[in-house]
PDB file of N, CA and C in Angstrom:
ATOM      1  N   UNK A   1      -6.107  -0.012  -1.223  1.00  0.00           N
ATOM      2  CA  UNK A   1      -5.052   0.871  -1.696  1.00  0.00           C
ATOM      3  C   UNK A   1      -5.483   2.303  -1.464  1.00  0.00           C
ATOM      4  N   UNK A   2      -4.537   3.105  -1.003  1.00  0.00           N
ATOM      5  CA  UNK A   2      -4.784   4.531  -0.734  1.00  0.00           C
ATOM      6  C   UNK A   2      -3.812   5.364  -1.558  1.00  0.00           C
ATOM      7  N   UNK A   3      -4.135   6.627  -1.680  1.00  0.00           N
ATOM      8  CA  UNK A   3      -3.352   7.560  -2.469  1.00  0.00           C
ATOM      9  C   UNK A   3      -3.258   8.885  -1.728  1.00  0.00           C
ATOM     10  N   UNK A   4      -2.000   9.347  -1.456  1.00  0.00           N
ATOM     11  CA  UNK A   4      -1.865  10.667  -0.806  1.00  0.00           C
ATOM     12  C   UNK A   4      -2.085  11.764  -1.837  1.00  0.00           C
ATOM     13  N   UNK A   5      -2.252  12.973  -1.376  1.00  0.00           N
ATOM     14  CA  UNK A   5      -2.427  14.122  -2.277  1.00  0.00           C
ATOM     15  C   UNK A   5      -1.159  14.264  -3.130  1.00  0.00           C
ATOM     16  N   UNK A   6      -0.007  14.109  -2.538  1.00  0.00           N
ATOM     17  CA  UNK A   6       1.246  14.220  -3.281  1.00  0.00           C
ATOM     18  C   UNK A   6       1.341  13.127  -4.354  1.00  0.00           C
ATOM     19  N   UNK A   7       0.923  11.923  -3.983  1.00  0.00           N
ATOM     20  CA  UNK A   7       0.943  10.828  -4.944  1.00  0.00           C
ATOM     21  C   UNK A   7      -0.010  11.067  -6.096  1.00  0.00           C
ATOM     22  N   UNK A   8      -1.214  11.544  -5.806  1.00  0.00           N
ATOM     23  CA  UNK A   8      -2.202  11.824  -6.826  1.00  0.00           C
ATOM     24  C   UNK A   8      -1.708  12.914  -7.775  1.00  0.00           C
ATOM     25  N   UNK A   9      -1.188  14.017  -7.208  1.00  0.00           N
ATOM     26  CA  UNK A   9      -0.708  15.121  -8.042  1.00  0.00           C
ATOM     27  C   UNK A   9       0.437  14.658  -8.965  1.00  0.00           C
ATOM     28  N   UNK A  10       1.359  13.891  -8.456  1.00  0.00           N
ATOM     29  CA  UNK A  10       2.476  13.413  -9.231  1.00  0.00           C
ATOM     30  C   UNK A  10       1.997  12.489 -10.348  1.00  0.00           C
ATOM     31  N   UNK A  11       1.108  11.575 -10.028  1.00  0.00           N
ATOM     32  CA  UNK A  11       0.584  10.631 -11.036  1.00  0.00           C
ATOM     33  C   UNK A  11      -0.231  11.343 -12.100  1.00  0.00           C
ATOM     34  N   UNK A  12      -0.975  12.371 -11.715  1.00  0.00           N
ATOM     35  CA  UNK A  12      -1.734  13.103 -12.695  1.00  0.00           C
ATOM     36  C   UNK A  12      -0.813  13.794 -13.712  1.00  0.00           C
ATOM     37  N   UNK A  13       0.334  14.313 -13.238  1.00  0.00           N
ATOM     38  CA  UNK A  13       1.312  14.916 -14.136  1.00  0.00           C
ATOM     39  C   UNK A  13       1.940  13.868 -15.065  1.00  0.00           C
ATOM     40  N   UNK A  14       2.352  12.753 -14.492  1.00  0.00           N
ATOM     41  CA  UNK A  14       3.010  11.695 -15.250  1.00  0.00           C
ATOM     42  C   UNK A  14       2.059  11.071 -16.263  1.00  0.00           C
ATOM     43  N   UNK A  15       0.823  10.899 -15.884  1.00  0.00           N
ATOM     44  CA  UNK A  15      -0.139  10.171 -16.711  1.00  0.00           C
ATOM     45  C   UNK A  15      -0.801  11.068 -17.793  1.00  0.00           C
ATOM     46  N   UNK A  16      -0.577  12.371 -17.724  1.00  0.00           N
ATOM     47  CA  UNK A  16      -1.211  13.279 -18.693  1.00  0.00           C
ATOM     48  C   UNK A  16      -0.819  12.891 -20.105  1.00  0.00           C
ATOM     49  N   UNK A  17      -1.829  12.661 -20.942  1.00  0.00           N
ATOM     50  CA  UNK A  17      -1.588  12.275 -22.336  1.00  0.00           C
ATOM     51  C   UNK A  17      -1.232  10.829 -22.559  1.00  0.00           C
ATOM     52  N   UNK A  18      -1.345  10.005 -21.530  1.00  0.00           N
ATOM     53  CA  UNK A  18      -0.951   8.579 -21.643  1.00  0.00           C
ATOM     54  C   UNK A  18      -2.119   7.663 -21.967  1.00  0.00           C
ATOM     55  N   UNK A  19      -3.353   8.169 -21.936  1.00  0.00           N
ATOM     56  CA  UNK A  19      -4.536   7.296 -22.187  1.00  0.00           C
ATOM     57  C   UNK A  19      -4.336   6.535 -23.498  1.00  0.00           C
ATOM     58  N   UNK A  20      -4.714   5.289 -23.571  1.00  0.00           N
ATOM     59  CA  UNK A  20      -5.477   4.494 -22.608  1.00  0.00           C
ATOM     60  C   UNK A  20      -4.606   3.782 -21.567  1.00  0.00           C
ATOM     61  N   UNK A  21      -3.324   4.200 -21.459  1.00  0.00           N
ATOM     62  CA  UNK A  21      -2.440   3.563 -20.484  1.00  0.00           C
ATOM     63  C   UNK A  21      -2.782   4.014 -19.082  1.00  0.00           C
ATOM     64  N   UNK A  22      -2.532   3.120 -18.105  1.00  0.00           N
ATOM     65  CA  UNK A  22      -2.773   3.388 -16.703  1.00  0.00           C
ATOM     66  C   UNK A  22      -1.557   3.039 -15.907  1.00  0.00           C
ATOM     67  N   UNK A  23      -1.509   3.462 -14.653  1.00  0.00           N
ATOM     68  CA  UNK A  23      -0.527   2.958 -13.717  1.00  0.00           C
ATOM     69  C   UNK A  23      -0.880   1.513 -13.489  1.00  0.00           C
ATOM     70  N   UNK A  24       0.040   0.587 -13.680  1.00  0.00           N
ATOM     71  CA  UNK A  24      -0.277  -0.849 -13.625  1.00  0.00           C
ATOM     72  C   UNK A  24       0.686  -1.527 -12.658  1.00  0.00           C
ATOM     73  N   UNK A  25       0.140  -2.208 -11.675  1.00  0.00           N
ATOM     74  CA  UNK A  25       0.912  -3.038 -10.763  1.00  0.00           C
ATOM     75  C   UNK A  25       0.766  -4.483 -11.166  1.00  0.00           C
ATOM     76  N   UNK A  26       1.901  -5.220 -11.153  1.00  0.00           N
ATOM     77  CA  UNK A  26       1.891  -6.626 -11.537  1.00  0.00           C
ATOM     78  C   UNK A  26       2.964  -7.362 -10.745  1.00  0.00           C
ATOM     79  N   UNK A  27       2.877  -8.678 -10.750  1.00  0.00           N
ATOM     80  CA  UNK A  27       3.818  -9.489  -9.987  1.00  0.00           C
ATOM     81  C   UNK A  27       4.759 -10.293 -10.876  1.00  0.00           C
ATOM     82  N   UNK A  28       5.985 -10.454 -10.404  1.00  0.00           N
ATOM     83  CA  UNK A  28       6.941 -11.348 -11.042  1.00  0.00           C
ATOM     84  C   UNK A  28       7.465 -12.263  -9.956  1.00  0.00           C
ATOM     85  N   UNK A  29       7.812 -13.502 -10.353  1.00  0.00           N
ATOM     86  CA  UNK A  29       8.329 -14.474  -9.385  1.00  0.00           C
ATOM     87  C   UNK A  29       9.762 -14.111  -8.990  1.00  0.00           C
ATOM     88  N   UNK A  30       9.995 -14.097  -7.683  1.00  0.00           N
ATOM     89  CA  UNK A  30      11.326 -13.847  -7.166  1.00  0.00           C
ATOM     90  C   UNK A  30      11.766 -15.018  -6.316  1.00  0.00           C
ATOM     91  N   UNK A  31      12.930 -14.916  -5.746  1.00  0.00           N
ATOM     92  CA  UNK A  31      13.452 -16.029  -4.936  1.00  0.00           C
ATOM     93  C   UNK A  31      12.629 -16.298  -3.703  1.00  0.00           C
ATOM     94  N   UNK A  32      11.965 -15.280  -3.172  1.00  0.00           N
ATOM     95  CA  UNK A  32      11.208 -15.411  -1.919  1.00  0.00           C
ATOM     96  C   UNK A  32       9.711 -15.180  -2.095  1.00  0.00           C
ATOM     97  N   UNK A  33       9.214 -15.370  -3.324  1.00  0.00           N
ATOM     98  CA  UNK A  33       7.807 -15.148  -3.583  1.00  0.00           C
ATOM     99  C   UNK A  33       7.608 -14.150  -4.678  1.00  0.00           C
ATOM    100  N   UNK A  34       6.469 -13.472  -4.636  1.00  0.00           N
ATOM    101  CA  UNK A  34       6.102 -12.522  -5.703  1.00  0.00           C
ATOM    102  C   UNK A  34       6.708 -11.151  -5.411  1.00  0.00           C
ATOM    103  N   UNK A  35       7.345 -10.555  -6.419  1.00  0.00           N
ATOM    104  CA  UNK A  35       7.831  -9.199  -6.347  1.00  0.00           C
ATOM    105  C   UNK A  35       6.842  -8.299  -7.082  1.00  0.00           C
ATOM    106  N   UNK A  36       6.472  -7.204  -6.482  1.00  0.00           N
ATOM    107  CA  UNK A  36       5.526  -6.268  -7.075  1.00  0.00           C
ATOM    108  C   UNK A  36       6.299  -5.284  -7.947  1.00  0.00           C
ATOM    109  N   UNK A  37       5.840  -5.123  -9.188  1.00  0.00           N
ATOM    110  CA  UNK A  37       6.431  -4.194 -10.161  1.00  0.00           C
ATOM    111  C   UNK A  37       5.358  -3.179 -10.526  1.00  0.00           C
ATOM    112  N   UNK A  38       5.789  -2.064 -11.094  1.00  0.00           N
ATOM    113  CA  UNK A  38       4.854  -1.021 -11.564  1.00  0.00           C
ATOM    114  C   UNK A  38       5.344  -0.468 -12.896  1.00  0.00           C
ATOM    115  N   UNK A  39       4.366  -0.133 -13.728  1.00  0.00           N
ATOM    116  CA  UNK A  39       4.663   0.425 -15.075  1.00  0.00           C
ATOM    117  C   UNK A  39       3.474   1.270 -15.511  1.00  0.00           C
ATOM    118  N   UNK A  40       3.712   2.031 -16.557  1.00  0.00           N
ATOM    119  CA  UNK A  40       2.623   2.735 -17.221  1.00  0.00           C
ATOM    120  C   UNK A  40       2.327   1.925 -18.462  1.00  0.00           C
ATOM    121  N   UNK A  41       1.146   1.290 -18.503  1.00  0.00           N
ATOM    122  CA  UNK A  41       0.802   0.372 -19.572  1.00  0.00           C
ATOM    123  C   UNK A  41      -0.712   0.201 -19.653  1.00  0.00           C
ATOM    124  N   UNK A  42      -1.132  -0.376 -20.749  1.00  0.00           N
ATOM    125  CA  UNK A  42      -2.547  -0.731 -20.872  1.00  0.00           C
ATOM    126  C   UNK A  42      -2.825  -1.940 -19.974  1.00  0.00           C
ATOM    127  N   UNK A  43      -3.997  -2.015 -19.385  1.00  0.00           N
ATOM    128  CA  UNK A  43      -4.364  -3.160 -18.571  1.00  0.00           C
ATOM    129  C   UNK A  43      -4.375  -4.449 -19.425  1.00  0.00           C
ATOM    130  N   UNK A  44      -4.065  -5.558 -18.773  1.00  0.00           N
ATOM    131  CA  UNK A  44      -4.125  -6.864 -19.442  1.00  0.00           C
ATOM    132  C   UNK A  44      -5.373  -7.620 -18.991  1.00  0.00           C
ATOM    133  N   UNK A  45      -5.569  -8.776 -19.586  1.00  0.00           N
ATOM    134  CA  UNK A  45      -6.738  -9.619 -19.206  1.00  0.00           C
ATOM    135  C   UNK A  45      -6.635 -10.109 -17.784  1.00  0.00           C
ATOM    136  N   UNK A  46      -5.448 -10.127 -17.193  1.00  0.00           N
ATOM    137  CA  UNK A  46      -5.228 -10.610 -15.842  1.00  0.00           C
ATOM    138  C   UNK A  46      -5.365  -9.486 -14.791  1.00  0.00           C
ATOM    139  N   UNK A  47      -5.744  -8.298 -15.239  1.00  0.00           N
ATOM    140  CA  UNK A  47      -5.834  -7.131 -14.343  1.00  0.00           C
ATOM    141  C   UNK A  47      -7.244  -6.789 -13.956  1.00  0.00           C
ATOM    142  N   UNK A  48      -7.377  -6.195 -12.805  1.00  0.00           N
ATOM    143  CA  UNK A  48      -8.595  -5.562 -12.348  1.00  0.00           C
ATOM    144  C   UNK A  48      -8.316  -4.075 -12.319  1.00  0.00           C
ATOM    145  N   UNK A  49      -9.192  -3.263 -12.879  1.00  0.00           N
ATOM    146  CA  UNK A  49      -9.019  -1.818 -12.825  1.00  0.00           C
ATOM    147  C   UNK A  49      -9.806  -1.286 -11.646  1.00  0.00           C
ATOM    148  N   UNK A  50      -9.102  -0.597 -10.785  1.00  0.00           N
ATOM    149  CA  UNK A  50      -9.745  -0.025  -9.591  1.00  0.00           C
ATOM    150  C   UNK A  50      -9.668   1.491  -9.665  1.00  0.00           C
ATOM    151  N   UNK A  51     -10.707   2.140  -9.160  1.00  0.00           N
ATOM    152  CA  UNK A  51     -10.724   3.595  -9.078  1.00  0.00           C
ATOM    153  C   UNK A  51     -10.228   3.940  -7.677  1.00  0.00           C
ATOM    154  N   UNK A  52      -9.072   4.610  -7.626  1.00  0.00           N
ATOM    155  CA  UNK A  52      -8.463   5.016  -6.331  1.00  0.00           C
ATOM    156  C   UNK A  52      -8.382   6.527  -6.310  1.00  0.00           C
ATOM    157  N   UNK A  53      -9.177   7.152  -5.484  1.00  0.00           N
ATOM    158  CA  UNK A  53      -9.221   8.612  -5.367  1.00  0.00           C
ATOM    159  C   UNK A  53      -9.309   9.304  -6.714  1.00  0.00           C
ATOM    160  N   UNK A  54     -10.149   8.765  -7.590  1.00  0.00           N
ATOM    161  CA  UNK A  54     -10.398   9.396  -8.879  1.00  0.00           C
ATOM    162  C   UNK A  54      -9.458   8.964  -9.992  1.00  0.00           C
ATOM    163  N   UNK A  55      -8.471   8.139  -9.685  1.00  0.00           N
ATOM    164  CA  UNK A  55      -7.524   7.638 -10.710  1.00  0.00           C
ATOM    165  C   UNK A  55      -7.765   6.172 -10.937  1.00  0.00           C
ATOM    166  N   UNK A  56      -7.826   5.763 -12.213  1.00  0.00           N
ATOM    167  CA  UNK A  56      -7.909   4.365 -12.545  1.00  0.00           C
ATOM    168  C   UNK A  56      -6.536   3.706 -12.487  1.00  0.00           C
ATOM    169  N   UNK A  57      -6.422   2.634 -11.738  1.00  0.00           N
ATOM    170  CA  UNK A  57      -5.166   1.894 -11.565  1.00  0.00           C
ATOM    171  C   UNK A  57      -5.434   0.434 -11.888  1.00  0.00           C
ATOM    172  N   UNK A  58      -4.602  -0.139 -12.751  1.00  0.00           N
ATOM    173  CA  UNK A  58      -4.711  -1.548 -13.102  1.00  0.00           C
ATOM    174  C   UNK A  58      -3.851  -2.369 -12.155  1.00  0.00           C
ATOM    175  N   UNK A  59      -4.426  -3.453 -11.642  1.00  0.00           N
ATOM    176  CA  UNK A  59      -3.689  -4.306 -10.708  1.00  0.00           C
ATOM    177  C   UNK A  59      -3.883  -5.759 -11.113  1.00  0.00           C
ATOM    178  N   UNK A  60      -2.772  -6.422 -11.367  1.00  0.00           N
ATOM    179  CA  UNK A  60      -2.818  -7.830 -11.704  1.00  0.00           C
ATOM    180  C   UNK A  60      -3.464  -8.560 -10.522  1.00  0.00           C
ATOM    181  N   UNK A  61      -4.368  -9.430 -10.853  1.00  0.00           N
ATOM    182  CA  UNK A  61      -5.175 -10.115  -9.793  1.00  0.00           C
ATOM    183  C   UNK A  61      -4.332 -10.756  -8.695  1.00  0.00           C
ATOM    184  N   UNK A  62      -3.187 -11.336  -9.074  1.00  0.00           N
ATOM    185  CA  UNK A  62      -2.373 -12.036  -8.060  1.00  0.00           C
ATOM    186  C   UNK A  62      -1.740 -11.102  -7.008  1.00  0.00           C
ATOM    187  N   UNK A  63      -1.645  -9.783  -7.299  1.00  0.00           N
ATOM    188  CA  UNK A  63      -1.025  -8.883  -6.338  1.00  0.00           C
ATOM    189  C   UNK A  63      -2.043  -8.011  -5.593  1.00  0.00           C
ATOM    190  N   UNK A  64      -3.338  -8.179  -5.896  1.00  0.00           N
ATOM    191  CA  UNK A  64      -4.362  -7.400  -5.196  1.00  0.00           C
ATOM    192  C   UNK A  64      -4.250  -7.583  -3.672  1.00  0.00           C
ATOM    193  N   UNK A  65      -4.144  -8.816  -3.142  1.00  0.00           N
ATOM    194  CA  UNK A  65      -4.021  -8.936  -1.688  1.00  0.00           C
ATOM    195  C   UNK A  65      -2.781  -8.270  -1.108  1.00  0.00           C
ATOM    196  N   UNK A  66      -1.690  -8.248  -1.849  1.00  0.00           N
ATOM    197  CA  UNK A  66      -0.451  -7.623  -1.370  1.00  0.00           C
ATOM    198  C   UNK A  66      -0.605  -6.115  -1.283  1.00  0.00           C
ATOM    199  N   UNK A  67      -1.346  -5.527  -2.196  1.00  0.00           N
ATOM    200  CA  UNK A  67      -1.472  -4.067  -2.281  1.00  0.00           C
ATOM    201  C   UNK A  67      -2.695  -3.503  -1.544  1.00  0.00           C
ATOM    202  N   UNK A  68      -3.471  -4.382  -0.911  1.00  0.00           N
ATOM    203  CA  UNK A  68      -4.720  -3.962  -0.283  1.00  0.00           C
ATOM    204  C   UNK A  68      -4.548  -2.795   0.689  1.00  0.00           C
ATOM    205  N   UNK A  69      -3.537  -2.817   1.533  1.00  0.00           N
ATOM    206  CA  UNK A  69      -3.337  -1.793   2.537  1.00  0.00           C
ATOM    207  C   UNK A  69      -2.191  -0.831   2.223  1.00  0.00           C
ATOM    208  N   UNK A  70      -1.741  -0.796   0.972  1.00  0.00           N
ATOM    209  CA  UNK A  70      -0.642   0.038   0.547  1.00  0.00           C
ATOM    210  C   UNK A  70      -1.110   1.458   0.283  1.00  0.00           C
ATOM    211  N   UNK A  71      -0.269   2.450   0.631  1.00  0.00           N
ATOM    212  CA  UNK A  71      -0.517   3.841   0.293  1.00  0.00           C
ATOM    213  C   UNK A  71       0.503   4.281  -0.742  1.00  0.00           C
ATOM    214  N   UNK A  72       0.029   4.872  -1.822  1.00  0.00           N
ATOM    215  CA  UNK A  72       0.896   5.382  -2.879  1.00  0.00           C
ATOM    216  C   UNK A  72       1.192   6.852  -2.546  1.00  0.00           C
ATOM    217  N   UNK A  73       2.458   7.181  -2.484  1.00  0.00           N
ATOM    218  CA  UNK A  73       2.895   8.518  -2.114  1.00  0.00           C
ATOM    219  C   UNK A  73       4.003   8.939  -3.097  1.00  0.00           C
ATOM    220  N   UNK A  74       4.205  10.211  -3.264  1.00  0.00           N
ATOM    221  CA  UNK A  74       5.289  10.716  -4.088  1.00  0.00           C
ATOM    222  C   UNK A  74       6.155  11.633  -3.244  1.00  0.00           C
ATOM    223  N   UNK A  75       7.453  11.509  -3.392  1.00  0.00           N
ATOM    224  CA  UNK A  75       8.360  12.415  -2.709  1.00  0.00           C
ATOM    225  C   UNK A  75       9.631  12.586  -3.542  1.00  0.00           C
ATOM    226  N   UNK A  76      10.353  13.633  -3.223  1.00  0.00           N
ATOM    227  CA  UNK A  76      11.587  13.953  -3.925  1.00  0.00           C
ATOM    228  C   UNK A  76      12.776  13.368  -3.198  1.00  0.00           C
ATOM    229  N   UNK A  77      13.669  12.760  -3.965  1.00  0.00           N
ATOM    230  CA  UNK A  77      14.934  12.270  -3.418  1.00  0.00           C
ATOM    231  C   UNK A  77      16.045  12.573  -4.407  1.00  0.00           C
ATOM    232  N   UNK A  78      17.061  13.229  -3.955  1.00  0.00           N
ATOM    233  CA  UNK A  78      18.196  13.625  -4.811  1.00  0.00           C
ATOM    234  C   UNK A  78      17.728  14.420  -6.027  1.00  0.00           C
ATOM    235  N   UNK A  79      16.737  15.268  -5.845  1.00  0.00           N
ATOM    236  CA  UNK A  79      16.266  16.137  -6.884  1.00  0.00           C
ATOM    237  C   UNK A  79      15.303  15.529  -7.884  1.00  0.00           C
ATOM    238  N   UNK A  80      14.905  14.273  -7.649  1.00  0.00           N
ATOM    239  CA  UNK A  80      13.979  13.613  -8.567  1.00  0.00           C
ATOM    240  C   UNK A  80      12.755  13.124  -7.819  1.00  0.00           C
ATOM    241  N   UNK A  81      11.573  13.336  -8.435  1.00  0.00           N
ATOM    242  CA  UNK A  81      10.352  12.858  -7.838  1.00  0.00           C
ATOM    243  C   UNK A  81      10.157  11.379  -8.189  1.00  0.00           C
ATOM    244  N   UNK A  82       9.559  10.658  -7.279  1.00  0.00           N
ATOM    245  CA  UNK A  82       9.278   9.242  -7.499  1.00  0.00           C
ATOM    246  C   UNK A  82       8.177   8.753  -6.585  1.00  0.00           C
ATOM    247  N   UNK A  83       7.668   7.557  -6.854  1.00  0.00           N
ATOM    248  CA  UNK A  83       6.623   6.960  -6.046  1.00  0.00           C
ATOM    249  C   UNK A  83       7.231   6.177  -4.907  1.00  0.00           C
ATOM    250  N   UNK A  84       6.539   6.208  -3.792  1.00  0.00           N
ATOM    251  CA  UNK A  84       6.894   5.415  -2.625  1.00  0.00           C
ATOM    252  C   UNK A  84       5.654   4.688  -2.197  1.00  0.00           C
ATOM    253  N   UNK A  85       5.783   3.376  -1.927  1.00  0.00           N
ATOM    254  CA  UNK A  85       4.650   2.585  -1.457  1.00  0.00           C
ATOM    255  C   UNK A  85       4.812   2.356   0.039  1.00  0.00           C
TER     256      UNK A  85
END
C-alpha cells in the first residue's frame, strides 16, 4: 500500500483528534467476491495495523492481498475532498 502526499495530508486532517481510531479497510461479501470498505474506527482482532508513510492504517487480514499494490490519494470533486484508491 502506498500513500500520496495529497492523501497523507488529507488523512492527517481527517484523523486529527480521532485516536485511538484509525483509517480501517475491511471486506464485505458481494455478489462477485469481496468488496473493500473503509471507515474511521478502532482496529478489530481480525486486523493488521500497518505503518504507511508514517500513518497507522488497520487492514482486515482478508483484504491485505487486495490492497497490496493500492495507492491512497485524495482529490477534490464537486467541491468536496475525498479518498481515491
